[in-house]
N, C-alpha and C. Protein backbone atom coordinates (compact mmCIF):
# COMPACT_ATOMS: atom_id res chain seq x y z
N MET A 1 167.90 260.60 248.26
CA MET A 1 168.09 261.88 248.91
C MET A 1 168.90 262.83 248.02
N MET A 2 169.97 262.37 247.44
CA MET A 2 170.81 263.20 246.58
C MET A 2 170.07 263.58 245.31
N ARG A 3 169.25 262.66 244.82
CA ARG A 3 168.48 262.94 243.61
C ARG A 3 167.47 264.04 243.88
N ARG A 4 166.86 264.01 245.05
CA ARG A 4 165.89 265.05 245.41
C ARG A 4 166.59 266.42 245.50
N PHE A 5 167.78 266.46 246.07
CA PHE A 5 168.54 267.70 246.21
C PHE A 5 168.91 268.27 244.84
N THR A 6 169.33 267.41 243.91
CA THR A 6 169.70 267.88 242.58
C THR A 6 168.47 268.31 241.78
N LEU A 7 167.29 267.88 242.17
CA LEU A 7 166.08 268.30 241.49
C LEU A 7 165.55 269.62 242.07
N VAL A 8 165.75 269.86 243.35
CA VAL A 8 165.24 271.06 244.02
C VAL A 8 166.00 272.31 243.57
N ILE A 9 167.30 272.22 243.39
CA ILE A 9 168.09 273.39 243.02
C ILE A 9 167.69 273.94 241.65
N PRO A 10 167.61 273.14 240.58
CA PRO A 10 167.18 273.70 239.29
C PRO A 10 165.74 274.23 239.31
N LEU A 11 164.87 273.57 240.05
CA LEU A 11 163.49 274.05 240.15
C LEU A 11 163.42 275.39 240.88
N SER A 12 164.21 275.55 241.91
CA SER A 12 164.26 276.83 242.64
C SER A 12 164.81 277.93 241.77
N ALA A 13 165.83 277.64 241.00
CA ALA A 13 166.40 278.64 240.10
C ALA A 13 165.40 279.02 239.02
N ALA A 14 164.65 278.06 238.51
CA ALA A 14 163.64 278.35 237.49
C ALA A 14 162.52 279.22 238.07
N LEU A 15 162.11 278.94 239.28
CA LEU A 15 161.06 279.75 239.92
C LEU A 15 161.54 281.18 240.16
N LEU A 16 162.77 281.36 240.58
CA LEU A 16 163.31 282.70 240.78
C LEU A 16 163.40 283.46 239.46
N ALA A 17 163.80 282.77 238.40
CA ALA A 17 163.90 283.41 237.10
C ALA A 17 162.53 283.84 236.60
N LEU A 18 161.54 283.02 236.80
CA LEU A 18 160.18 283.37 236.38
C LEU A 18 159.58 284.47 237.24
N ALA A 19 159.93 284.53 238.49
CA ALA A 19 159.42 285.59 239.36
C ALA A 19 159.94 286.95 238.94
N ALA A 20 161.13 286.99 238.38
CA ALA A 20 161.69 288.27 237.91
C ALA A 20 160.95 288.80 236.70
N CYS A 21 160.28 287.94 235.96
CA CYS A 21 159.54 288.37 234.77
C CYS A 21 158.17 288.93 235.10
N GLY A 22 157.75 288.85 236.33
CA GLY A 22 156.41 289.26 236.70
C GLY A 22 156.27 290.70 237.13
N GLU A 23 157.26 291.54 236.89
CA GLU A 23 157.17 292.94 237.32
C GLU A 23 156.16 293.69 236.46
N LYS A 24 155.35 294.48 237.10
CA LYS A 24 154.35 295.26 236.39
C LYS A 24 154.98 296.52 235.82
N PRO A 25 154.52 296.98 234.65
CA PRO A 25 155.08 298.22 234.09
C PRO A 25 154.74 299.43 234.96
N GLN A 26 155.68 300.33 235.07
CA GLN A 26 155.49 301.53 235.88
C GLN A 26 155.30 302.72 234.95
N GLU A 27 154.08 303.18 234.85
CA GLU A 27 153.76 304.29 233.97
C GLU A 27 153.16 305.42 234.79
N MET A 28 153.36 306.62 234.31
CA MET A 28 152.79 307.78 234.98
C MET A 28 151.37 307.99 234.47
N ASN A 29 150.43 307.95 235.37
CA ASN A 29 149.05 308.22 235.00
C ASN A 29 148.81 309.72 235.00
N ALA A 30 148.08 310.19 234.03
CA ALA A 30 147.83 311.62 233.93
C ALA A 30 146.98 312.12 235.09
N ALA A 31 146.16 311.27 235.67
CA ALA A 31 145.25 311.72 236.73
C ALA A 31 145.99 311.96 238.05
N GLY A 32 147.01 311.16 238.34
CA GLY A 32 147.65 311.25 239.64
C GLY A 32 148.98 311.98 239.65
N VAL A 33 149.37 312.60 238.55
CA VAL A 33 150.67 313.24 238.46
C VAL A 33 150.56 314.71 238.84
N LYS A 34 151.43 315.12 239.74
CA LYS A 34 151.49 316.53 240.13
C LYS A 34 152.60 317.18 239.33
N GLN A 35 152.29 318.21 238.60
CA GLN A 35 153.30 318.90 237.80
C GLN A 35 154.08 319.87 238.68
N ASP A 36 155.37 319.85 238.53
CA ASP A 36 156.23 320.76 239.28
C ASP A 36 156.19 322.14 238.66
N SER A 37 156.43 323.13 239.48
CA SER A 37 156.52 324.49 238.97
C SER A 37 157.96 324.76 238.54
N ALA A 38 158.17 325.88 237.91
CA ALA A 38 159.52 326.24 237.46
C ALA A 38 160.43 326.40 238.68
N PRO A 39 161.71 326.04 238.55
CA PRO A 39 162.60 326.10 239.72
C PRO A 39 162.81 327.49 240.27
N TYR A 40 162.66 328.51 239.45
CA TYR A 40 162.90 329.86 239.94
C TYR A 40 161.74 330.41 240.76
N HIS A 41 160.63 329.67 240.86
CA HIS A 41 159.53 330.11 241.70
C HIS A 41 159.84 329.90 243.18
N GLY A 42 160.68 328.94 243.47
CA GLY A 42 161.07 328.70 244.85
C GLY A 42 159.96 328.06 245.66
N VAL A 43 160.16 328.03 246.96
CA VAL A 43 159.18 327.41 247.85
C VAL A 43 158.59 328.43 248.81
N GLY A 44 158.81 329.67 248.56
CA GLY A 44 158.29 330.70 249.46
C GLY A 44 159.41 331.31 250.27
N ALA A 45 159.03 332.10 251.26
CA ALA A 45 160.02 332.76 252.11
C ALA A 45 160.76 331.71 252.94
N SER A 46 162.06 331.76 252.90
CA SER A 46 162.87 330.80 253.63
C SER A 46 164.10 331.50 254.18
N GLN A 47 164.53 331.08 255.35
CA GLN A 47 165.73 331.65 255.93
C GLN A 47 166.98 331.19 255.18
N TYR A 48 166.83 330.16 254.35
CA TYR A 48 167.98 329.64 253.62
C TYR A 48 168.12 330.25 252.23
N ALA A 49 167.18 331.06 251.82
CA ALA A 49 167.25 331.70 250.49
C ALA A 49 168.32 332.79 250.51
N ASN A 50 169.00 332.92 249.41
CA ASN A 50 170.04 333.93 249.28
C ASN A 50 169.40 335.32 249.26
N THR A 51 170.07 336.31 249.80
CA THR A 51 169.47 337.64 249.93
C THR A 51 169.27 338.34 248.59
N GLY A 52 170.08 338.05 247.57
CA GLY A 52 169.94 338.71 246.29
C GLY A 52 168.90 338.08 245.38
N TRP A 53 168.32 336.98 245.81
CA TRP A 53 167.38 336.27 244.97
C TRP A 53 165.94 336.59 245.37
N LYS A 54 165.11 336.85 244.37
CA LYS A 54 163.70 337.12 244.62
C LYS A 54 162.90 335.97 244.04
N ALA A 55 162.02 335.37 244.84
CA ALA A 55 161.22 334.23 244.38
C ALA A 55 160.34 334.66 243.22
N GLY A 56 160.36 333.86 242.15
CA GLY A 56 159.55 334.13 240.98
C GLY A 56 160.25 334.96 239.92
N ASP A 57 161.42 335.52 240.22
CA ASP A 57 162.15 336.34 239.25
C ASP A 57 163.21 335.47 238.57
N ARG A 58 162.98 335.14 237.33
CA ARG A 58 163.85 334.23 236.61
C ARG A 58 165.25 334.81 236.40
N THR A 59 165.36 336.09 236.10
CA THR A 59 166.68 336.67 235.84
C THR A 59 167.54 336.69 237.10
N SER A 60 166.93 337.01 238.25
CA SER A 60 167.72 337.00 239.49
C SER A 60 168.12 335.58 239.86
N TRP A 61 167.27 334.60 239.55
CA TRP A 61 167.59 333.20 239.81
C TRP A 61 168.77 332.75 238.95
N GLU A 62 168.74 333.12 237.65
CA GLU A 62 169.84 332.76 236.77
C GLU A 62 171.14 333.45 237.19
N GLN A 63 171.05 334.68 237.64
CA GLN A 63 172.23 335.40 238.09
C GLN A 63 172.82 334.74 239.34
N GLN A 64 171.97 334.30 240.25
CA GLN A 64 172.45 333.61 241.45
C GLN A 64 173.14 332.30 241.08
N LEU A 65 172.61 331.58 240.08
CA LEU A 65 173.26 330.34 239.65
C LEU A 65 174.63 330.62 239.05
N LYS A 66 174.74 331.67 238.26
CA LYS A 66 176.03 332.02 237.66
C LYS A 66 177.04 332.41 238.74
N THR A 67 176.59 333.21 239.69
CA THR A 67 177.48 333.64 240.78
C THR A 67 177.93 332.44 241.61
N ARG A 68 177.00 331.55 241.91
CA ARG A 68 177.33 330.37 242.71
C ARG A 68 178.32 329.47 241.97
N ALA A 69 178.12 329.30 240.68
CA ALA A 69 179.03 328.47 239.90
C ALA A 69 180.42 329.10 239.81
N GLN A 70 180.48 330.41 239.72
CA GLN A 70 181.76 331.09 239.56
C GLN A 70 182.55 331.16 240.86
N TYR A 71 181.89 331.51 241.94
CA TYR A 71 182.62 331.75 243.19
C TYR A 71 182.47 330.64 244.23
N GLY A 72 181.30 330.06 244.31
CA GLY A 72 181.08 329.07 245.35
C GLY A 72 181.55 327.68 245.02
N GLN A 73 181.48 327.29 243.75
CA GLN A 73 181.81 325.92 243.40
C GLN A 73 183.04 325.81 242.51
N ASN A 74 183.71 326.87 242.25
CA ASN A 74 184.91 326.85 241.42
C ASN A 74 186.12 326.92 242.34
N ASP A 75 186.83 325.81 242.47
CA ASP A 75 187.96 325.75 243.39
C ASP A 75 189.11 326.66 242.97
N TYR A 76 189.23 326.92 241.68
CA TYR A 76 190.33 327.77 241.22
C TYR A 76 190.15 329.21 241.71
N THR A 77 188.93 329.72 241.66
CA THR A 77 188.73 331.09 242.14
C THR A 77 188.65 331.14 243.65
N ARG A 78 188.17 330.08 244.28
CA ARG A 78 188.09 330.08 245.75
C ARG A 78 189.47 330.03 246.39
N MET A 79 190.37 329.29 245.80
CA MET A 79 191.69 329.12 246.39
C MET A 79 192.70 330.13 245.87
N GLY A 80 192.32 330.96 244.95
CA GLY A 80 193.22 331.98 244.45
C GLY A 80 194.17 331.52 243.38
N GLY A 81 193.96 330.31 242.86
CA GLY A 81 194.84 329.77 241.84
C GLY A 81 194.36 330.15 240.45
N THR A 82 195.12 329.71 239.47
CA THR A 82 194.74 329.94 238.08
C THR A 82 194.34 328.63 237.45
N GLN A 83 193.48 328.70 236.50
CA GLN A 83 193.05 327.48 235.82
C GLN A 83 194.15 327.00 234.90
N PRO A 84 194.28 325.67 234.76
CA PRO A 84 195.34 325.12 233.90
C PRO A 84 195.02 325.37 232.43
């Protein structure tokens, strides 16, 4: 009984190790890939879009990103402090 147990554990470990080697490669096929559009094209009219941004206008999109980075995500300017 003990001999059978000591034989089952290494065989199970070997089977698990070999199962990990059987993964198929994941490649993007040219036929089934949908190409994304440029990010400044947007998704159309949305109630969540900022009022100063126009869909499809790259310069207004870049300006909105700069404004958001400066005022919305910069804690130093939001809290009124100075940068170290």
